[in-house]
Amino acid sequence: MKEEQIDFVIPWVDGNDPEWIMRRNKVLVLKSSDSLNHRYLDWGLLRYWFRGVQKFTPWVHKIWFICDQKPPIWLNRSHPKIEIVYHSDYIPAKYLPVFSSHPIELNLHRIKGLSDKFVYFNDDTFILSPLNSDFFFKNGYPRDHAIINPITATELARNGRGSHISPVYLNDIEYMNADYDFHSCVKAHPLKWFHPCYGKNNFRNLLLLPWPRFIGFIETHLPNAFLKSSFEKAWKNDYDILDATSGHPLRDDRDVNQWLIRHQQLADGNFIPRKPLMHCCFSAHEDDERMHMMIRRQLQPLICINDFKPLPESSFKKLRNKIQEDFDTILAEKSDFEV
């Protein structure tokens, strides 16, 4: 079988760049959580993302590095696999400037030259051990899991007031129910909603099956595999909300995000089931020994280190150094993506 051509896409921002800060401050509003600088702290981990790609996924076709400022000086821009993409290269001018991840995500299909099969990484997700291409795609389809999970008040509160992520859960599902009939989707592809690789989560799906509408999905906060055609279909069917979200330069309670397109791939049956990776997302504001062990012992192939809460400067530096030391135990060697 011909090897599948799969690209990686990763957005990046240097929150310490004075010129970028000046541009962002022009559009800041007081109620926006995007005004919190901890969202843009530099943990010094991007090198390890590139090192992980070279060491553990050497089969990747292209890496599309999205930014709205000068790329890191250490990045080898002449590497044949690296493509630098500025916001103005693919996001329509009427939406610019943007300082929210949502417009950046929802317009990915407009990147010229992007493969129809790609994996979207946030810059806080990292590869820890070897992965074959069929971890992300198989027979032309994304690998994913259709596991139902109700959106509860506890789940929304977990993100904190004013986080501008909690309402996204609800908005995504609202549009899913407007576009799809839950039971029809399950009946069309029953073996994708109930699969041995889901393990005990099959019981979760079975117990929630009587509910007549979509009530939410498990979101692991790890890289998602997409078909570019899925974005094109979403823009055709839900232009109103994708256009409105893209027009918000900062995160807004009315937004949707890339999860909506992931959910639509699941509803359409455009995926092949894969065992979900659970408990791989950690908060960078906590010195969690489980996180350090997962990196050093490579207990899972992927990890997310999320920095959604602030840290005192001294604590931030101490934890940053400790996490860098963790990565150095498995990814100390400089990659070809670094000059």
C-alpha atoms as a PDB file:
ATOM      1  CA  MET A   1       0.000   0.000   0.000  1.00  0.00           C
ATOM      2  CA  LYS A   2       1.270   3.436  -0.918  1.00  0.00           C
ATOM      3  CA  GLU A   3       2.471   5.340   2.127  1.00  0.00           C
ATOM      4  CA  GLU A   4       0.061   8.071   3.116  1.00  0.00           C
ATOM      5  CA  GLN A   5       1.212  11.683   2.798  1.00  0.00           C
ATOM      6  CA  ILE A   6       0.551  13.252   6.177  1.00  0.00           C
ATOM      7  CA  ASP A   7       1.438  16.785   7.267  1.00  0.00           C
ATOM      8  CA  PHE A   8       1.768  18.264  10.744  1.00  0.00           C
ATOM      9  CA  VAL A   9       0.441  21.742  11.553  1.00  0.00           C
ATOM     10  CA  ILE A  10       1.496  23.706  14.628  1.00  0.00           C
ATOM     11  CA  PRO A  11       0.752  27.347  15.539  1.00  0.00           C
ATOM     12  CA  TRP A  12       3.185  29.332  17.668  1.00  0.00           C
ATOM     13  CA  VAL A  13       3.395  32.729  19.307  1.00  0.00           C
ATOM     14  CA  ASP A  14       6.195  34.493  21.169  1.00  0.00           C
ATOM     15  CA  GLY A  15       4.352  36.251  23.972  1.00  0.00           C
ATOM     16  CA  ASN A  16       7.468  38.237  24.864  1.00  0.00           C
ATOM     17  CA  ASP A  17       7.718  39.949  21.484  1.00  0.00           C
ATOM     18  CA  PRO A  18       7.151  43.716  22.147  1.00  0.00           C
ATOM     19  CA  GLU A  19       5.799  44.350  18.650  1.00  0.00           C
ATOM     20  CA  TRP A  20       3.301  41.500  18.971  1.00  0.00           C
ATOM     21  CA  ILE A  21       2.266  42.705  22.449  1.00  0.00           C
ATOM     22  CA  MET A  22       1.666  46.199  21.075  1.00  0.00           C
ATOM     23  CA  ARG A  23      -0.571  44.849  18.293  1.00  0.00           C
ATOM     24  CA  ARG A  24      -2.486  42.639  20.694  1.00  0.00           C
ATOM     25  CA  ASN A  25      -3.020  45.451  23.194  1.00  0.00           C
ATOM     26  CA  LYS A  26      -4.772  47.487  20.528  1.00  0.00           C
ATOM     27  CA  VAL A  27      -7.616  44.985  20.390  1.00  0.00           C
ATOM     28  CA  LEU A  28      -7.729  43.843  24.009  1.00  0.00           C
ATOM     29  CA  VAL A  29     -10.924  44.234  25.962  1.00  0.00           C
ATOM     30  CA  LEU A  30     -11.010  44.057  29.744  1.00  0.00           C
ATOM     31  CA  LYS A  31     -13.250  41.008  29.906  1.00  0.00           C
ATOM     32  CA  SER A  32     -11.061  38.934  27.619  1.00  0.00           C
ATOM     33  CA  SER A  33      -9.072  36.124  29.210  1.00  0.00           C
ATOM     34  CA  ASP A  34      -6.622  36.566  26.361  1.00  0.00           C
ATOM     35  CA  SER A  35      -5.302  39.584  28.243  1.00  0.00           C
ATOM     36  CA  LEU A  36      -3.742  37.196  30.753  1.00  0.00           C
ATOM     37  CA  ASN A  37      -0.076  36.943  29.898  1.00  0.00           C
ATOM     38  CA  HIS A  38       0.323  33.404  31.233  1.00  0.00           C
ATOM     39  CA  ARG A  39      -1.356  32.185  28.040  1.00  0.00           C
ATOM     40  CA  TYR A  40       1.727  33.301  26.124  1.00  0.00           C
ATOM     41  CA  LEU A  41       4.578  32.352  28.462  1.00  0.00           C
ATOM     42  CA  ASP A  42       7.607  30.793  26.788  1.00  0.00           C
ATOM     43  CA  TRP A  43       8.347  27.485  28.483  1.00  0.00           C
ATOM     44  CA  GLY A  44      11.302  26.866  26.179  1.00  0.00           C
ATOM     45  CA  LEU A  45       9.861  23.537  25.030  1.00  0.00           C
ATOM     46  CA  LEU A  46       9.341  24.101  21.302  1.00  0.00           C
ATOM     47  CA  ARG A  47      12.730  22.592  20.453  1.00  0.00           C
ATOM     48  CA  TYR A  48      11.587  19.352  22.049  1.00  0.00           C
ATOM     49  CA  TRP A  49       8.513  19.293  19.835  1.00  0.00           C
ATOM     50  CA  PHE A  50      10.740  19.353  16.746  1.00  0.00           C
ATOM     51  CA  ARG A  51      13.149  16.848  18.252  1.00  0.00           C
ATOM     52  CA  GLY A  52      10.258  14.508  18.999  1.00  0.00           C
ATOM     53  CA  VAL A  53       8.984  14.808  15.438  1.00  0.00           C
ATOM     54  CA  GLN A  54      12.371  13.926  13.946  1.00  0.00           C
ATOM     55  CA  LYS A  55      13.082  11.065  16.347  1.00  0.00           C
ATOM     56  CA  PHE A  56       9.639   9.513  16.713  1.00  0.00           C
ATOM     57  CA  THR A  57       7.711  10.422  13.513  1.00  0.00           C
ATOM     58  CA  PRO A  58      10.347  10.747  10.754  1.00  0.00           C
ATOM     59  CA  TRP A  59       7.719   9.781   8.167  1.00  0.00           C
ATOM     60  CA  VAL A  60       5.964  13.187   8.340  1.00  0.00           C
ATOM     61  CA  HIS A  61       5.731  14.858   4.929  1.00  0.00           C
ATOM     62  CA  LYS A  62       5.659  18.568   5.841  1.00  0.00           C
ATOM     63  CA  ILE A  63       5.564  20.679   8.996  1.00  0.00           C
ATOM     64  CA  TRP A  64       3.477  23.831   8.613  1.00  0.00           C
ATOM     65  CA  PHE A  65       4.671  26.298  11.243  1.00  0.00           C
ATOM     66  CA  ILE A  66       2.033  29.012  11.734  1.00  0.00           C
ATOM     67  CA  CYS A  67       3.027  32.364  13.231  1.00  0.00           C
ATOM     68  CA  ASP A  68       2.352  36.077  13.032  1.00  0.00           C
ATOM     69  CA  GLN A  69       5.867  37.267  13.854  1.00  0.00           C
ATOM     70  CA  LYS A  70       9.466  36.258  13.234  1.00  0.00           C
ATOM     71  CA  PRO A  71       9.973  32.512  13.769  1.00  0.00           C
ATOM     72  CA  PRO A  72      12.440  31.432  16.481  1.00  0.00           C
ATOM     73  CA  ILE A  73      16.007  32.295  15.485  1.00  0.00           C
ATOM     74  CA  TRP A  74      17.105  28.718  16.103  1.00  0.00           C
ATOM     75  CA  LEU A  75      14.571  27.254  13.644  1.00  0.00           C
ATOM     76  CA  ASN A  76      16.154  25.862  10.486  1.00  0.00           C
ATOM     77  CA  ARG A  77      13.908  27.546   7.958  1.00  0.00           C
ATOM     78  CA  SER A  78      15.799  25.974   5.057  1.00  0.00           C
ATOM     79  CA  HIS A  79      14.877  22.458   6.099  1.00  0.00           C
ATOM     80  CA  PRO A  80      12.893  20.886   3.237  1.00  0.00           C
ATOM     81  CA  LYS A  81      10.120  19.715   5.545  1.00  0.00           C
ATOM     82  CA  ILE A  82       9.485  23.086   7.195  1.00  0.00           C
ATOM     83  CA  GLU A  83       6.991  25.545   5.724  1.00  0.00           C
ATOM     84  CA  ILE A  84       6.562  28.905   7.493  1.00  0.00           C
ATOM     85  CA  VAL A  85       2.986  30.185   7.246  1.00  0.00           C
ATOM     86  CA  TYR A  86       2.037  33.671   8.392  1.00  0.00           C
ATOM     87  CA  HIS A  87      -1.539  34.517   9.294  1.00  0.00           C
ATOM     88  CA  SER A  88      -1.825  36.756   6.252  1.00  0.00           C
ATOM     89  CA  ASP A  89      -0.790  33.835   4.022  1.00  0.00           C
ATOM     90  CA  TYR A  90      -3.984  31.897   4.612  1.00  0.00           C
ATOM     91  CA  ILE A  91      -6.476  33.734   6.838  1.00  0.00           C
ATOM     92  CA  PRO A  92      -8.727  36.072   4.795  1.00  0.00           C
ATOM     93  CA  ALA A  93      -7.832  39.731   5.263  1.00  0.00           C
ATOM     94  CA  LYS A  94     -11.294  40.584   6.594  1.00  0.00           C
ATOM     95  CA  TYR A  95     -10.547  38.507   9.725  1.00  0.00           C
ATOM     96  CA  LEU A  96      -7.107  39.936  10.492  1.00  0.00           C
ATOM     97  CA  PRO A  97      -5.548  40.578  12.901  1.00  0.00           C
ATOM     98  CA  VAL A  98      -6.315  37.555  15.095  1.00  0.00           C
ATOM     99  CA  PHE A  99      -4.977  36.763  18.562  1.00  0.00           C
ATOM    100  CA  SER A 100      -7.302  33.856  19.237  1.00  0.00           C
ATOM    101  CA  SER A 101      -6.535  30.250  18.350  1.00  0.00           C
ATOM    102  CA  HIS A 102     -10.054  29.727  17.021  1.00  0.00           C
ATOM    103  CA  PRO A 103      -9.738  31.630  13.695  1.00  0.00           C
ATOM    104  CA  ILE A 104      -6.240  30.206  13.284  1.00  0.00           C
ATOM    105  CA  GLU A 105      -7.649  26.675  13.575  1.00  0.00           C
ATOM    106  CA  LEU A 106     -10.848  27.065  11.602  1.00  0.00           C
ATOM    107  CA  ASN A 107      -9.108  28.360   8.473  1.00  0.00           C
ATOM    108  CA  LEU A 108      -6.380  25.719   8.220  1.00  0.00           C
ATOM    109  CA  HIS A 109      -7.836  24.288   5.020  1.00  0.00           C
ATOM    110  CA  ARG A 110      -6.893  27.536   3.240  1.00  0.00           C
ATOM    111  CA  ILE A 111      -3.150  26.858   3.605  1.00  0.00           C
ATOM    112  CA  LYS A 112      -1.872  26.444   0.051  1.00  0.00           C
ATOM    113  CA  GLY A 113      -0.141  23.115  -0.406  1.00  0.00           C
ATOM    114  CA  LEU A 114      -1.415  21.538   2.814  1.00  0.00           C
ATOM    115  CA  SER A 115      -2.026  17.808   2.435  1.00  0.00           C
ATOM    116  CA  ASP A 116      -5.623  16.621   2.649  1.00  0.00           C
ATOM    117  CA  LYS A 117      -4.485  14.504   5.611  1.00  0.00           C
ATOM    118  CA  PHE A 118      -2.908  16.456   8.439  1.00  0.00           C
ATOM    119  CA  VAL A 119      -2.470  16.406  12.197  1.00  0.00           C
ATOM    120  CA  TYR A 120      -3.134  19.565  14.176  1.00  0.00           C
ATOM    121  CA  PHE A 121      -0.855  20.082  17.174  1.00  0.00           C
ATOM    122  CA  ASN A 122      -1.035  22.806  19.766  1.00  0.00           C
ATOM    123  CA  ASP A 123       2.384  24.036  20.861  1.00  0.00           C
ATOM    124  CA  ASP A 124       1.817  22.472  24.281  1.00  0.00           C
ATOM    125  CA  THR A 125       1.508  18.924  22.930  1.00  0.00           C
ATOM    126  CA  PHE A 126       4.573  16.736  22.489  1.00  0.00           C
ATOM    127  CA  ILE A 127       5.541  13.334  21.072  1.00  0.00           C
ATOM    128  CA  LEU A 128       7.289  11.117  23.634  1.00  0.00           C
ATOM    129  CA  SER A 129       7.838   7.806  21.828  1.00  0.00           C
ATOM    130  CA  PRO A 130       7.798   6.289  18.326  1.00  0.00           C
ATOM    131  CA  LEU A 131       4.522   6.476  16.414  1.00  0.00           C
ATOM    132  CA  ASN A 132       3.728   4.943  13.050  1.00  0.00           C
ATOM    133  CA  SER A 133       1.696   6.942  10.574  1.00  0.00           C
ATOM    134  CA  ASP A 134      -1.282   4.627  11.118  1.00  0.00           C
ATOM    135  CA  PHE A 135      -1.584   6.006  14.647  1.00  0.00           C
ATOM    136  CA  PHE A 136      -3.033   9.134  13.016  1.00  0.00           C
ATOM    137  CA  PHE A 137      -4.401   7.839   9.694  1.00  0.00           C
ATOM    138  CA  LYS A 138      -5.360   4.459   8.297  1.00  0.00           C
ATOM    139  CA  ASN A 139      -6.699   3.681   4.834  1.00  0.00           C
ATOM    140  CA  GLY A 140      -7.053   7.401   4.212  1.00  0.00           C
ATOM    141  CA  TYR A 141      -9.155   8.077   7.315  1.00  0.00           C
ATOM    142  CA  PRO A 142      -8.259   9.845  10.585  1.00  0.00           C
ATOM    143  CA  ARG A 143      -7.843   7.654  13.656  1.00  0.00           C
ATOM    144  CA  ASP A 144     -10.125   8.769  16.459  1.00  0.00           C
ATOM    145  CA  HIS A 145     -12.627   7.592  19.050  1.00  0.00           C
ATOM    146  CA  ALA A 146     -16.369   8.278  19.166  1.00  0.00           C
ATOM    147  CA  ILE A 147     -16.870   8.240  22.917  1.00  0.00           C
ATOM    148  CA  ILE A 148     -19.796  10.162  24.338  1.00  0.00           C
ATOM    149  CA  ASN A 149     -19.283  12.323  27.398  1.00  0.00           C
ATOM    150  CA  PRO A 150     -21.925  14.617  28.919  1.00  0.00           C
ATOM    151  CA  ILE A 151     -20.964  18.248  29.429  1.00  0.00           C
ATOM    152  CA  THR A 152     -21.613  18.854  33.113  1.00  0.00           C
ATOM    153  CA  ALA A 153     -21.531  21.948  35.283  1.00  0.00           C
ATOM    154  CA  THR A 154     -18.403  20.524  36.919  1.00  0.00           C
ATOM    155  CA  GLU A 155     -16.689  20.210  33.554  1.00  0.00           C
ATOM    156  CA  LEU A 156     -17.501  23.814  32.685  1.00  0.00           C
ATOM    157  CA  ALA A 157     -16.417  25.141  36.073  1.00  0.00           C
ATOM    158  CA  ARG A 158     -13.110  23.258  35.870  1.00  0.00           C
ATOM    159  CA  ASN A 159     -11.836  25.764  33.323  1.00  0.00           C
ATOM    160  CA  GLY A 160     -12.529  28.736  35.550  1.00  0.00           C
ATOM    161  CA  ARG A 161     -14.739  31.774  35.041  1.00  0.00           C
ATOM    162  CA  GLY A 162     -13.907  33.884  32.027  1.00  0.00           C
ATOM    163  CA  SER A 163     -11.797  31.161  30.448  1.00  0.00           C
ATOM    164  CA  HIS A 164     -13.599  31.488  27.090  1.00  0.00           C
ATOM    165  CA  ILE A 165     -13.214  27.751  26.567  1.00  0.00           C
ATOM    166  CA  SER A 166     -16.179  26.499  28.613  1.00  0.00           C
ATOM    167  CA  PRO A 167     -18.843  27.994  26.303  1.00  0.00           C
ATOM    168  CA  VAL A 168     -17.065  26.474  23.307  1.00  0.00           C
ATOM    169  CA  TYR A 169     -18.024  23.001  24.533  1.00  0.00           C
ATOM    170  CA  LEU A 170     -21.672  24.017  24.442  1.00  0.00           C
ATOM    171  CA  ASN A 171     -21.496  25.940  21.172  1.00  0.00           C
ATOM    172  CA  ASP A 172     -19.844  23.043  19.339  1.00  0.00           C
ATOM    173  CA  ILE A 173     -22.527  20.618  20.493  1.00  0.00           C
ATOM    174  CA  GLU A 174     -25.312  23.089  19.696  1.00  0.00           C
ATOM    175  CA  TYR A 175     -24.212  23.147  16.068  1.00  0.00           C
ATOM    176  CA  MET A 176     -23.747  19.382  16.020  1.00  0.00           C
ATOM    177  CA  ASN A 177     -27.388  18.926  16.995  1.00  0.00           C
ATOM    178  CA  ALA A 178     -28.476  21.457  14.395  1.00  0.00           C
ATOM    179  CA  ASP A 179     -26.605  19.587  11.652  1.00  0.00           C
ATOM    180  CA  TYR A 180     -26.926  15.922  12.655  1.00  0.00           C
ATOM    181  CA  ASP A 181     -29.347  13.435  14.188  1.00  0.00           C
ATOM    182  CA  PHE A 182     -27.485  11.557  16.898  1.00  0.00           C
ATOM    183  CA  HIS A 183     -29.220   8.195  16.570  1.00  0.00           C
ATOM    184  CA  SER A 184     -28.978   8.240  12.773  1.00  0.00           C
ATOM    185  CA  CYS A 185     -25.212   8.719  13.031  1.00  0.00           C
ATOM    186  CA  VAL A 186     -24.860   5.763  15.387  1.00  0.00           C
ATOM    187  CA  LYS A 187     -27.075   3.543  13.223  1.00  0.00           C
ATOM    188  CA  ALA A 188     -25.069   4.433  10.101  1.00  0.00           C
ATOM    189  CA  HIS A 189     -21.747   3.333  11.644  1.00  0.00           C
ATOM    190  CA  PRO A 190     -22.486   1.214  14.764  1.00  0.00           C
ATOM    191  CA  LEU A 191     -19.073  -0.492  14.797  1.00  0.00           C
ATOM    192  CA  LYS A 192     -17.381   2.890  14.990  1.00  0.00           C
ATOM    193  CA  TRP A 193     -19.385   3.894  18.050  1.00  0.00           C
ATOM    194  CA  PHE A 194     -18.986   0.518  19.752  1.00  0.00           C
ATOM    195  CA  HIS A 195     -15.535  -0.936  19.236  1.00  0.00           C
ATOM    196  CA  PRO A 196     -13.337  -3.302  21.291  1.00  0.00           C
ATOM    197  CA  CYS A 197     -10.525  -0.715  21.426  1.00  0.00           C
ATOM    198  CA  TYR A 198     -12.783   1.589  23.485  1.00  0.00           C
ATOM    199  CA  GLY A 199     -12.740  -0.896  26.369  1.00  0.00           C
ATOM    200  CA  LYS A 200     -15.014   0.082  29.241  1.00  0.00           C
ATOM    201  CA  ASN A 201     -15.959   3.267  27.418  1.00  0.00           C
ATOM    202  CA  ASN A 202     -18.333   1.128  25.374  1.00  0.00           C
ATOM    203  CA  PHE A 203     -20.492   0.936  28.486  1.00  0.00           C
ATOM    204  CA  ARG A 204     -20.442   4.725  28.689  1.00  0.00           C
ATOM    205  CA  ASN A 205     -21.733   4.929  25.116  1.00  0.00           C
ATOM    206  CA  LEU A 206     -24.357   2.264  25.795  1.00  0.00           C
ATOM    207  CA  LEU A 207     -25.670   4.004  28.905  1.00  0.00           C
ATOM    208  CA  LEU A 208     -25.876   7.366  27.147  1.00  0.00           C
ATOM    209  CA  LEU A 209     -27.314   6.007  23.902  1.00  0.00           C
ATOM    210  CA  PRO A 210     -30.984   6.540  24.901  1.00  0.00           C
ATOM    211  CA  TRP A 211     -30.418  10.294  25.010  1.00  0.00           C
ATOM    212  CA  PRO A 212     -31.940  11.711  21.796  1.00  0.00           C
ATOM    213  CA  ARG A 213     -29.271  14.338  21.111  1.00  0.00           C
ATOM    214  CA  PHE A 214     -25.506  14.781  21.143  1.00  0.00           C
ATOM    215  CA  ILE A 215     -24.487  15.690  24.678  1.00  0.00           C
ATOM    216  CA  GLY A 216     -20.715  15.930  24.253  1.00  0.00           C
ATOM    217  CA  PHE A 217     -17.596  13.913  23.492  1.00  0.00           C
ATOM    218  CA  ILE A 218     -14.457  12.988  25.374  1.00  0.00           C
ATOM    219  CA  GLU A 219     -11.801  15.574  24.504  1.00  0.00           C
ATOM    220  CA  THR A 220      -8.293  14.406  25.355  1.00  0.00           C
ATOM    221  CA  HIS A 221      -6.586  17.742  24.486  1.00  0.00           C
ATOM    222  CA  LEU A 222      -4.110  15.904  22.287  1.00  0.00           C
ATOM    223  CA  PRO A 223      -3.282  16.289  18.567  1.00  0.00           C
ATOM    224  CA  ASN A 224      -6.234  15.697  16.249  1.00  0.00           C
ATOM    225  CA  ALA A 225      -6.090  14.105  12.793  1.00  0.00           C
ATOM    226  CA  PHE A 226      -8.129  15.876  10.126  1.00  0.00           C
ATOM    227  CA  LEU A 227      -9.121  15.669   6.512  1.00  0.00           C
ATOM    228  CA  LYS A 228      -8.870  19.036   4.805  1.00  0.00           C
ATOM    229  CA  SER A 229     -12.131  18.211   3.075  1.00  0.00           C
ATOM    230  CA  SER A 230     -13.806  18.102   6.511  1.00  0.00           C
ATOM    231  CA  PHE A 231     -13.003  21.793   6.977  1.00  0.00           C
ATOM    232  CA  GLU A 232     -14.365  22.612   3.533  1.00  0.00           C
ATOM    233  CA  LYS A 233     -17.609  20.792   4.313  1.00  0.00           C
ATOM    234  CA  ALA A 234     -17.941  22.544   7.686  1.00  0.00           C
ATOM    235  CA  TRP A 235     -17.547  25.950   6.069  1.00  0.00           C
ATOM    236  CA  LYS A 236     -20.220  25.058   3.554  1.00  0.00           C
ATOM    237  CA  ASN A 237     -22.693  23.821   6.174  1.00  0.00           C
ATOM    238  CA  ASP A 238     -21.958  26.191   9.082  1.00  0.00           C
ATOM    239  CA  TYR A 239     -20.600  29.290   7.409  1.00  0.00           C
ATOM    240  CA  ASP A 240     -22.451  31.586   9.810  1.00  0.00           C
ATOM    241  CA  ILE A 241     -20.708  30.518  12.997  1.00  0.00           C
ATOM    242  CA  LEU A 242     -17.300  29.857  11.405  1.00  0.00           C
ATOM    243  CA  ASP A 243     -17.395  33.283   9.798  1.00  0.00           C
ATOM    244  CA  ALA A 244     -18.475  34.918  13.062  1.00  0.00           C
ATOM    245  CA  THR A 245     -15.795  33.116  15.093  1.00  0.00           C
ATOM    246  CA  SER A 246     -13.109  34.013  12.557  1.00  0.00           C
ATOM    247  CA  GLY A 247     -14.169  37.642  12.922  1.00  0.00           C
ATOM    248  CA  HIS A 248     -13.393  37.671  16.647  1.00  0.00           C
ATOM    249  CA  PRO A 249      -9.757  38.767  17.111  1.00  0.00           C
ATOM    250  CA  LEU A 250      -9.888  37.565  20.728  1.00  0.00           C
ATOM    251  CA  ARG A 251     -11.622  34.583  22.243  1.00  0.00           C
ATOM    252  CA  ASP A 252     -15.338  35.088  22.592  1.00  0.00           C
ATOM    253  CA  ASP A 253     -18.083  33.199  24.434  1.00  0.00           C
ATOM    254  CA  ARG A 254     -19.933  32.825  21.117  1.00  0.00           C
ATOM    255  CA  ASP A 255     -17.059  30.958  19.412  1.00  0.00           C
ATOM    256  CA  VAL A 256     -16.715  27.409  18.191  1.00  0.00           C
ATOM    257  CA  ASN A 257     -13.353  25.753  17.582  1.00  0.00           C
ATOM    258  CA  GLN A 258     -11.690  22.876  15.746  1.00  0.00           C
ATOM    259  CA  TRP A 259     -13.530  20.363  17.957  1.00  0.00           C
ATOM    260  CA  LEU A 260     -16.678  21.078  15.957  1.00  0.00           C
ATOM    261  CA  ILE A 261     -14.952  19.783  12.824  1.00  0.00           C
ATOM    262  CA  ARG A 262     -13.598  16.792  14.721  1.00  0.00           C
ATOM    263  CA  HIS A 263     -17.129  16.021  15.950  1.00  0.00           C
ATOM    264  CA  GLN A 264     -18.470  16.274  12.418  1.00  0.00           C
ATOM    265  CA  GLN A 265     -15.857  13.769  11.201  1.00  0.00           C
ATOM    266  CA  LEU A 266     -17.098  11.401  13.893  1.00  0.00           C
ATOM    267  CA  ALA A 267     -20.740  11.955  12.984  1.00  0.00           C
ATOM    268  CA  ASP A 268     -20.012  11.339   9.297  1.00  0.00           C
ATOM    269  CA  GLY A 269     -18.117   8.155  10.097  1.00  0.00           C
ATOM    270  CA  ASN A 270     -14.976   9.590   8.494  1.00  0.00           C
ATOM    271  CA  PHE A 271     -12.605   7.941  10.947  1.00  0.00           C
ATOM    272  CA  ILE A 272     -11.228   4.570  11.998  1.00  0.00           C
ATOM    273  CA  PRO A 273     -11.490   3.719  15.707  1.00  0.00           C
ATOM    274  CA  ARG A 274      -8.394   3.902  17.877  1.00  0.00           C
ATOM    275  CA  LYS A 275      -7.896   3.342  21.568  1.00  0.00           C
ATOM    276  CA  PRO A 276      -8.142   6.716  23.333  1.00  0.00           C
ATOM    277  CA  LEU A 277      -5.129   8.065  25.193  1.00  0.00           C
ATOM    278  CA  MET A 278      -6.444   9.109  28.578  1.00  0.00           C
ATOM    279  CA  HIS A 279      -4.850  11.097  31.415  1.00  0.00           C
ATOM    280  CA  CYS A 280      -2.131  12.567  29.191  1.00  0.00           C
ATOM    281  CA  CYS A 281      -2.989  16.227  29.796  1.00  0.00           C
ATOM    282  CA  PHE A 282      -1.340  18.074  32.685  1.00  0.00           C
ATOM    283  CA  SER A 283      -1.537  21.584  34.047  1.00  0.00           C
ATOM    284  CA  ALA A 284       1.790  23.398  33.912  1.00  0.00           C
ATOM    285  CA  HIS A 285       0.889  25.387  36.997  1.00  0.00           C
ATOM    286  CA  GLU A 286       1.251  22.255  39.135  1.00  0.00           C
ATOM    287  CA  ASP A 287       4.492  20.408  39.854  1.00  0.00           C
ATOM    288  CA  ASP A 288       2.851  17.047  39.180  1.00  0.00           C
ATOM    289  CA  GLU A 289       5.230  14.122  39.646  1.00  0.00           C
ATOM    290  CA  ARG A 290       3.065  12.027  37.307  1.00  0.00           C
ATOM    291  CA  MET A 291       3.867  14.471  34.502  1.00  0.00           C
ATOM    292  CA  HIS A 292       7.610  14.203  35.110  1.00  0.00           C
ATOM    293  CA  MET A 293       7.415  10.408  35.189  1.00  0.00           C
ATOM    294  CA  MET A 294       5.378  10.266  32.003  1.00  0.00           C
ATOM    295  CA  ILE A 295       8.032  12.245  30.118  1.00  0.00           C
ATOM    296  CA  ARG A 296      11.106  10.529  31.554  1.00  0.00           C
ATOM    297  CA  ARG A 297       9.718   7.004  31.287  1.00  0.00           C
ATOM    298  CA  GLN A 298       7.824   7.668  28.043  1.00  0.00           C
ATOM    299  CA  LEU A 299       4.723   6.114  29.565  1.00  0.00           C
ATOM    300  CA  GLN A 300       2.489   7.457  26.789  1.00  0.00           C
ATOM    301  CA  PRO A 301       3.324   8.426  23.201  1.00  0.00           C
ATOM    302  CA  LEU A 302       1.822  11.926  23.579  1.00  0.00           C
ATOM    303  CA  ILE A 303       1.497  14.501  26.329  1.00  0.00           C
ATOM    304  CA  CYS A 304      -0.158  17.902  26.748  1.00  0.00           C
ATOM    305  CA  ILE A 305       1.338  20.439  29.163  1.00  0.00           C
ATOM    306  CA  ASN A 306      -1.290  23.145  29.432  1.00  0.00           C
ATOM    307  CA  ASP A 307      -0.576  26.550  30.978  1.00  0.00           C
ATOM    308  CA  PHE A 308      -4.080  27.861  31.564  1.00  0.00           C
ATOM    309  CA  LYS A 309      -3.327  29.251  35.044  1.00  0.00           C
ATOM    310  CA  PRO A 310      -0.696  31.793  36.142  1.00  0.00           C
ATOM    311  CA  LEU A 311       2.378  31.046  38.224  1.00  0.00           C
ATOM    312  CA  PRO A 312       4.608  33.319  40.314  1.00  0.00           C
ATOM    313  CA  GLU A 313       7.806  34.139  38.414  1.00  0.00           C
ATOM    314  CA  SER A 314      10.046  32.117  40.734  1.00  0.00           C
ATOM    315  CA  SER A 315       7.780  29.061  40.585  1.00  0.00           C
ATOM    316  CA  PHE A 316       7.468  29.357  36.809  1.00  0.00           C
ATOM    317  CA  LYS A 317      11.233  29.340  36.273  1.00  0.00           C
ATOM    318  CA  LYS A 318      11.746  26.428  38.658  1.00  0.00           C
ATOM    319  CA  LEU A 319       9.059  24.289  37.025  1.00  0.00           C
ATOM    320  CA  ARG A 320      10.156  25.278  33.507  1.00  0.00           C
ATOM    321  CA  ASN A 321      13.703  24.130  34.248  1.00  0.00           C
ATOM    322  CA  LYS A 322      12.463  20.874  35.727  1.00  0.00           C
ATOM    323  CA  ILE A 323      10.307  20.079  32.676  1.00  0.00           C
ATOM    324  CA  GLN A 324      13.206  20.902  30.356  1.00  0.00           C
ATOM    325  CA  GLU A 325      15.383  18.496  32.337  1.00  0.00           C
ATOM    326  CA  ASP A 326      12.687  15.848  31.874  1.00  0.00           C
ATOM    327  CA  PHE A 327      12.729  16.285  28.110  1.00  0.00           C
ATOM    328  CA  ASP A 328      16.530  16.269  28.052  1.00  0.00           C
ATOM    329  CA  THR A 329      16.467  12.703  29.341  1.00  0.00           C
ATOM    330  CA  ILE A 330      14.797  11.531  26.101  1.00  0.00           C
ATOM    331  CA  LEU A 331      15.396  14.342  23.568  1.00  0.00           C
ATOM    332  CA  ALA A 332      18.765  15.898  24.394  1.00  0.00           C
ATOM    333  CA  GLU A 333      20.157  15.620  20.876  1.00  0.00           C
ATOM    334  CA  LYS A 334      19.642  18.629  18.603  1.00  0.00           C
ATOM    335  CA  SER A 335      17.421  17.934  15.588  1.00  0.00           C
ATOM    336  CA  ASP A 336      17.987  18.872  11.954  1.00  0.00           C
ATOM    337  CA  PHE A 337      15.170  21.389  12.416  1.00  0.00           C
ATOM    338  CA  GLU A 338      17.509  23.499  14.587  1.00  0.00           C
ATOM    339  CA  VAL A 339      20.400  25.618  13.292  1.00  0.00           C
END
